[in-house]
């Protein structure tokens, strides 16, 4: 039972890294084609999943992606709660763990969307959920400040991605030798750098929404791509960031195989949570 429990969470996590990697390979590939005028669309993760859905064996493949994303969300949740990556209870460690729990919520939502599409329950888009809940927040007391805080948090995540790319610490948790890291590290650095740029732009949209008190200012990854495309030589900027997102997806596939994952057994998760929070109490 001990090894089975460990295998369940670890295998789900690896499947999840792979599913996320495929999604971002599609996102980056389509955006790169759009930048080069070869077709494609510079859009978000949901659009990438819909693109897969329209292809051969689409519902089956999207179903696998949904399961993988749910597995990734579970791993992020367990990782944040149990401190499986040994981040500790310092301020930095707690912020990273909280970010992983937030990531779990986001990927759970994307997994539900993918599952609905695979089952034929959500083929038409129904508005912009990000703008909807931003409008809901802005209508609440202190909502303006909450939206601004979210924007600053997203931008802080972008800075963290850029720092990780610049320092080359993208392979620290991979079980790779020096020779293997020589080719894996540049892929990860390029990918994390592109994600950092996208996060800075998306966070800026949230700050603009708070400043203008208008939820219509909020945009996701598709909006970040569009903002890059609107700049001078925008197609070049979009092509670079799009290629970076493809690299981020490819690095996710590397993580699926080589990432160090020390997840607790399913039946020991409760104890792992207690051990993780005890030093902080």
Protein backbone atom coordinates (compact mmCIF):
# COMPACT_ATOMS: atom_id res chain seq x y z
CA UNK A 1 0.00 0.00 0.00
CA UNK A 2 2.87 2.33 0.77
CA UNK A 3 4.42 2.17 -2.68
CA UNK A 4 0.99 2.14 -4.36
CA UNK A 5 -0.04 5.38 -2.65
CA UNK A 6 3.22 7.06 -3.56
CA UNK A 7 2.91 5.88 -7.15
CA UNK A 8 -0.63 7.19 -7.47
CA UNK A 9 0.20 10.79 -6.57
CA UNK A 10 3.58 10.81 -8.28
CA UNK A 11 2.19 9.30 -11.48
CA UNK A 12 -0.69 11.77 -11.51
CA UNK A 13 1.80 14.61 -11.02
CA UNK A 14 3.97 13.41 -13.91
CA UNK A 15 0.92 12.92 -16.11
CA UNK A 16 -0.10 16.45 -15.11
CA UNK A 17 3.23 18.01 -16.06
CA UNK A 18 2.93 16.28 -19.41
CA UNK A 19 -0.65 17.47 -20.00
CA UNK A 20 0.24 21.04 -19.08
CA UNK A 21 3.27 20.81 -21.34
CA UNK A 22 1.16 19.71 -24.31
CA UNK A 23 -1.31 22.56 -23.74
CA UNK A 24 1.45 25.19 -23.74
CA UNK A 25 3.16 23.63 -26.76
CA UNK A 26 -0.14 24.12 -28.62
CA UNK A 27 -0.59 27.64 -27.21
CA UNK A 28 2.92 28.64 -28.23
CA UNK A 29 2.81 26.90 -31.59
CA UNK A 30 -0.46 28.51 -32.64
CA UNK A 31 0.68 31.96 -31.45
CA UNK A 32 3.97 31.57 -33.33
CA UNK A 33 2.12 30.68 -36.53
CA UNK A 34 -0.09 33.75 -36.03
CA UNK A 35 2.95 36.00 -35.54
CA UNK A 36 4.53 34.67 -38.75
CA UNK A 37 1.28 35.06 -40.69
CA UNK A 38 0.96 31.31 -41.24
CA UNK A 39 -2.48 30.92 -39.69
CA UNK A 40 -3.03 29.98 -36.08
CA UNK A 41 -4.33 32.16 -33.27
CA UNK A 42 -2.52 33.93 -30.45
CA UNK A 43 -4.94 32.82 -27.77
CA UNK A 44 -5.18 31.20 -24.34
CA UNK A 45 -5.07 27.68 -22.89
CA UNK A 46 -8.78 27.01 -23.36
CA UNK A 47 -8.52 27.89 -27.04
CA UNK A 48 -5.56 25.50 -27.36
CA UNK A 49 -7.68 22.73 -25.84
CA UNK A 50 -10.51 23.55 -28.27
CA UNK A 51 -7.99 23.28 -31.13
CA UNK A 52 -7.05 19.79 -29.96
CA UNK A 53 -10.76 18.95 -29.67
CA UNK A 54 -11.30 19.80 -33.34
CA UNK A 55 -8.57 17.40 -34.48
CA UNK A 56 -8.54 13.63 -34.94
CA UNK A 57 -9.64 11.75 -31.81
CA UNK A 58 -10.24 15.19 -30.27
CA UNK A 59 -12.64 14.22 -27.44
CA UNK A 60 -10.38 11.34 -26.37
CA UNK A 61 -7.23 13.47 -26.35
CA UNK A 62 -8.97 16.32 -24.53
CA UNK A 63 -10.28 13.80 -22.01
CA UNK A 64 -6.71 12.68 -21.29
CA UNK A 65 -5.64 16.34 -21.01
CA UNK A 66 -8.49 16.94 -18.52
CA UNK A 67 -7.36 14.02 -16.34
CA UNK A 68 -3.75 15.19 -16.57
CA UNK A 69 -4.57 18.78 -15.60
CA UNK A 70 -6.62 17.50 -12.67
CA UNK A 71 -3.63 15.40 -11.61
CA UNK A 72 -1.38 18.46 -11.88
CA UNK A 73 -3.85 20.47 -9.77
CA UNK A 74 -3.87 17.70 -7.14
CA UNK A 75 -0.07 17.67 -7.04
CA UNK A 76 0.09 21.46 -6.68
CA UNK A 77 -2.46 21.30 -3.85
CA UNK A 78 -0.59 18.50 -2.05
CA UNK A 79 2.72 20.24 -2.71
CA UNK A 80 1.49 23.48 -1.15
CA UNK A 81 -0.22 21.91 1.86
CA UNK A 82 2.33 19.25 2.79
CA UNK A 83 5.46 21.16 1.76
CA UNK A 84 6.51 18.18 -0.36
CA UNK A 85 9.21 20.31 -2.02
CA UNK A 86 10.67 21.36 1.35
CA UNK A 87 10.04 25.07 0.83
CA UNK A 88 9.85 25.59 4.60
CA UNK A 89 7.84 28.07 6.63
CA UNK A 90 9.86 31.20 5.91
CA UNK A 91 7.99 34.11 4.34
CA UNK A 92 9.31 33.17 0.89
CA UNK A 93 8.47 29.50 1.37
CA UNK A 94 4.92 30.25 2.49
CA UNK A 95 4.36 32.60 -0.45
CA UNK A 96 5.53 29.93 -2.91
CA UNK A 97 3.34 27.30 -1.28
CA UNK A 98 0.33 29.65 -1.34
CA UNK A 99 1.01 30.34 -5.03
CA UNK A 100 0.98 26.59 -5.68
CA UNK A 101 -2.41 26.27 -4.00
CA UNK A 102 -3.68 29.15 -6.14
CA UNK A 103 -2.23 27.37 -9.19
CA UNK A 104 -4.14 24.24 -8.13
CA UNK A 105 -7.40 26.20 -8.22
CA UNK A 106 -6.65 27.62 -11.69
CA UNK A 107 -5.75 24.23 -13.19
CA UNK A 108 -8.75 22.60 -11.56
CA UNK A 109 -10.92 25.09 -13.43
CA UNK A 110 -9.09 24.41 -16.70
CA UNK A 111 -9.42 20.65 -16.11
CA UNK A 112 -13.18 21.03 -15.58
CA UNK A 113 -13.43 23.04 -18.80
CA UNK A 114 -11.44 20.39 -20.70
CA UNK A 115 -13.58 17.61 -19.23
CA UNK A 116 -16.77 19.41 -20.21
CA UNK A 117 -15.49 19.87 -23.76
CA UNK A 118 -14.47 16.21 -24.01
CA UNK A 119 -17.99 15.17 -22.94
CA UNK A 120 -19.60 17.64 -25.34
CA UNK A 121 -21.05 19.75 -22.54
CA UNK A 122 -19.30 23.08 -23.17
CA UNK A 123 -18.57 23.60 -26.84
CA UNK A 124 -19.56 27.28 -26.93
CA UNK A 125 -17.76 29.92 -24.93
CA UNK A 126 -19.97 31.75 -22.45
CA UNK A 127 -18.38 35.15 -21.95
CA UNK A 128 -15.14 35.95 -20.18
CA UNK A 129 -15.07 34.42 -16.73
CA UNK A 130 -12.07 36.51 -15.68
CA UNK A 131 -13.90 39.74 -16.45
CA UNK A 132 -17.07 38.44 -14.78
CA UNK A 133 -15.48 37.76 -11.42
CA UNK A 134 -13.43 40.97 -11.65
CA UNK A 135 -16.69 42.89 -12.11
CA UNK A 136 -18.11 41.04 -9.09
CA UNK A 137 -15.06 42.00 -7.02
CA UNK A 138 -15.14 45.65 -8.11
CA UNK A 139 -18.74 45.89 -6.91
CA UNK A 140 -17.73 44.87 -3.37
CA UNK A 141 -16.34 47.07 -0.57
CA UNK A 142 -12.57 47.35 -1.01
CA UNK A 143 -12.97 45.42 -4.28
CA UNK A 144 -10.85 47.95 -6.13
CA UNK A 145 -7.97 47.30 -3.75
CA UNK A 146 -8.43 43.52 -4.02
CA UNK A 147 -8.24 43.68 -7.81
CA UNK A 148 -5.10 45.82 -7.56
CA UNK A 149 -3.62 43.36 -5.05
CA UNK A 150 -4.31 40.48 -7.44
CA UNK A 151 -2.60 42.42 -10.21
CA UNK A 152 0.45 43.05 -8.06
CA UNK A 153 0.53 39.37 -7.09
CA UNK A 154 0.45 38.28 -10.74
CA UNK A 155 3.22 40.75 -11.56
CA UNK A 156 5.26 39.45 -8.62
CA UNK A 157 4.85 35.97 -10.08
CA UNK A 158 6.11 37.31 -13.39
CA UNK A 159 9.17 38.80 -11.73
CA UNK A 160 9.81 35.46 -9.98
CA UNK A 161 9.65 33.67 -13.35
CA UNK A 162 12.08 36.17 -14.88
CA UNK A 163 14.48 35.85 -11.94
CA UNK A 164 14.32 32.06 -12.20
CA UNK A 165 15.09 32.30 -15.90
CA UNK A 166 17.94 34.78 -15.39
CA UNK A 167 19.59 32.78 -12.60
CA UNK A 168 19.22 29.48 -14.43
CA UNK A 169 17.59 27.74 -11.47
CA UNK A 170 15.00 26.05 -13.67
CA UNK A 171 16.64 22.62 -13.47
CA UNK A 172 17.28 22.57 -9.72
CA UNK A 173 14.49 20.04 -9.09
CA UNK A 174 15.20 17.84 -12.09
CA UNK A 175 17.01 14.54 -11.79
CA UNK A 176 19.44 15.29 -14.60
CA UNK A 177 23.20 15.08 -14.92
CA UNK A 178 25.38 18.04 -15.99
CA UNK A 179 25.43 16.97 -19.63
CA UNK A 180 21.63 16.67 -19.76
CA UNK A 181 21.17 20.02 -18.00
CA UNK A 182 23.25 21.63 -20.70
CA UNK A 183 20.37 21.28 -23.17
CA UNK A 184 17.43 21.29 -20.76
CA UNK A 185 18.37 24.50 -18.95
CA UNK A 186 18.17 26.89 -21.95
CA UNK A 187 14.76 25.45 -22.85
CA UNK A 188 13.50 26.08 -19.32
CA UNK A 189 15.05 29.55 -19.13
CA UNK A 190 13.45 30.60 -22.42
CA UNK A 191 10.09 29.21 -21.30
CA UNK A 192 10.08 30.77 -17.85
CA UNK A 193 11.23 34.08 -19.31
CA UNK A 194 8.30 34.13 -21.73
CA UNK A 195 5.84 33.24 -18.98
CA UNK A 196 7.30 36.02 -16.85
CA UNK A 197 6.68 38.59 -19.57
CA UNK A 198 3.10 37.37 -20.02
CA UNK A 199 2.46 37.54 -16.26
CA UNK A 200 3.74 41.12 -16.09
CA UNK A 201 1.36 42.18 -18.86
CA UNK A 202 -1.62 40.32 -17.37
CA UNK A 203 -0.92 41.81 -13.95
CA UNK A 204 -0.82 45.23 -15.58
CA UNK A 205 -4.30 44.62 -16.99
CA UNK A 206 -5.60 44.02 -13.46
CA UNK A 207 -3.99 47.24 -12.22
CA UNK A 208 -5.61 49.11 -15.12
CA UNK A 209 -8.98 47.57 -14.20
CA UNK A 210 -8.58 48.76 -10.61
CA UNK A 211 -7.45 52.24 -11.72
CA UNK A 212 -10.31 52.70 -14.19
CA UNK A 213 -12.77 50.61 -12.13
CA UNK A 214 -13.63 48.72 -15.31
CA UNK A 215 -13.55 44.93 -15.52
CA UNK A 216 -13.29 45.19 -19.31
CA UNK A 217 -9.63 46.15 -18.83
CA UNK A 218 -8.85 42.63 -17.55
CA UNK A 219 -7.45 40.27 -20.15
CA UNK A 220 -5.66 36.93 -20.00
CA UNK A 221 -2.93 35.38 -22.10
CA UNK A 222 -4.70 36.23 -25.37
CA UNK A 223 -4.74 39.87 -24.29
CA UNK A 224 -1.04 39.73 -23.44
CA UNK A 225 -0.29 38.35 -26.91
CA UNK A 226 -2.43 41.09 -28.49
CA UNK A 227 -0.62 43.78 -26.48
CA UNK A 228 2.73 42.52 -27.73
CA UNK A 229 1.46 42.39 -31.32
CA UNK A 230 0.32 46.04 -31.08
CA UNK A 231 3.86 47.29 -30.35
CA UNK A 232 6.36 48.46 -32.98
CA UNK A 233 7.80 45.31 -34.56
CA UNK A 234 5.06 43.56 -32.61
CA UNK A 235 5.14 40.43 -34.76
CA UNK A 236 8.75 39.90 -33.68
CA UNK A 237 7.89 40.36 -29.99
CA UNK A 238 4.90 38.04 -30.34
CA UNK A 239 7.00 35.45 -32.17
CA UNK A 240 9.64 35.46 -29.42
CA UNK A 241 7.15 35.19 -26.55
CA UNK A 242 5.10 32.60 -28.45
CA UNK A 243 8.21 30.50 -29.06
CA UNK A 244 8.98 30.88 -25.37
CA UNK A 245 5.57 29.46 -24.48
CA UNK A 246 6.27 26.51 -26.76
CA UNK A 247 9.58 26.08 -24.90
CA UNK A 248 7.69 26.26 -21.58
CA UNK A 249 5.47 23.44 -22.82
CA UNK A 250 8.46 21.40 -23.96
CA UNK A 251 10.09 21.94 -20.57
CA UNK A 252 6.88 20.64 -18.97
CA UNK A 253 7.40 17.39 -20.88
CA UNK A 254 10.94 17.25 -19.50
CA UNK A 255 9.56 17.81 -16.00
CA UNK A 256 7.07 15.00 -16.52
CA UNK A 257 9.98 12.59 -16.91
CA UNK A 258 12.74 13.99 -14.74
CA UNK A 259 11.17 16.21 -12.04
CA UNK A 260 11.97 15.17 -8.45
CA UNK A 261 8.60 14.44 -6.83
CA UNK A 262 8.50 13.37 -3.20
CA UNK A 263 4.75 13.21 -2.69
CA UNK A 264 3.26 11.64 0.43
CA UNK A 265 1.18 8.49 0.13
CA UNK A 266 -2.54 9.05 -0.36
CA UNK A 267 -3.29 7.52 3.04
CA UNK A 268 -0.60 9.62 4.74
CA UNK A 269 -1.54 13.03 3.32
CA UNK A 270 -3.33 14.12 6.51
CA UNK A 271 -0.24 13.38 8.62
CA UNK A 272 1.97 15.18 6.09
CA UNK A 273 -0.21 18.29 6.35
CA UNK A 274 0.01 18.24 10.15
CA UNK A 275 3.79 17.86 10.05
CA UNK A 276 4.03 20.75 7.59
CA UNK A 277 1.96 23.23 9.60
CA UNK A 278 3.18 22.25 13.09
CA UNK A 279 6.42 24.33 12.92
CA UNK A 280 4.41 27.41 11.95
CA UNK A 281 1.94 27.06 14.83
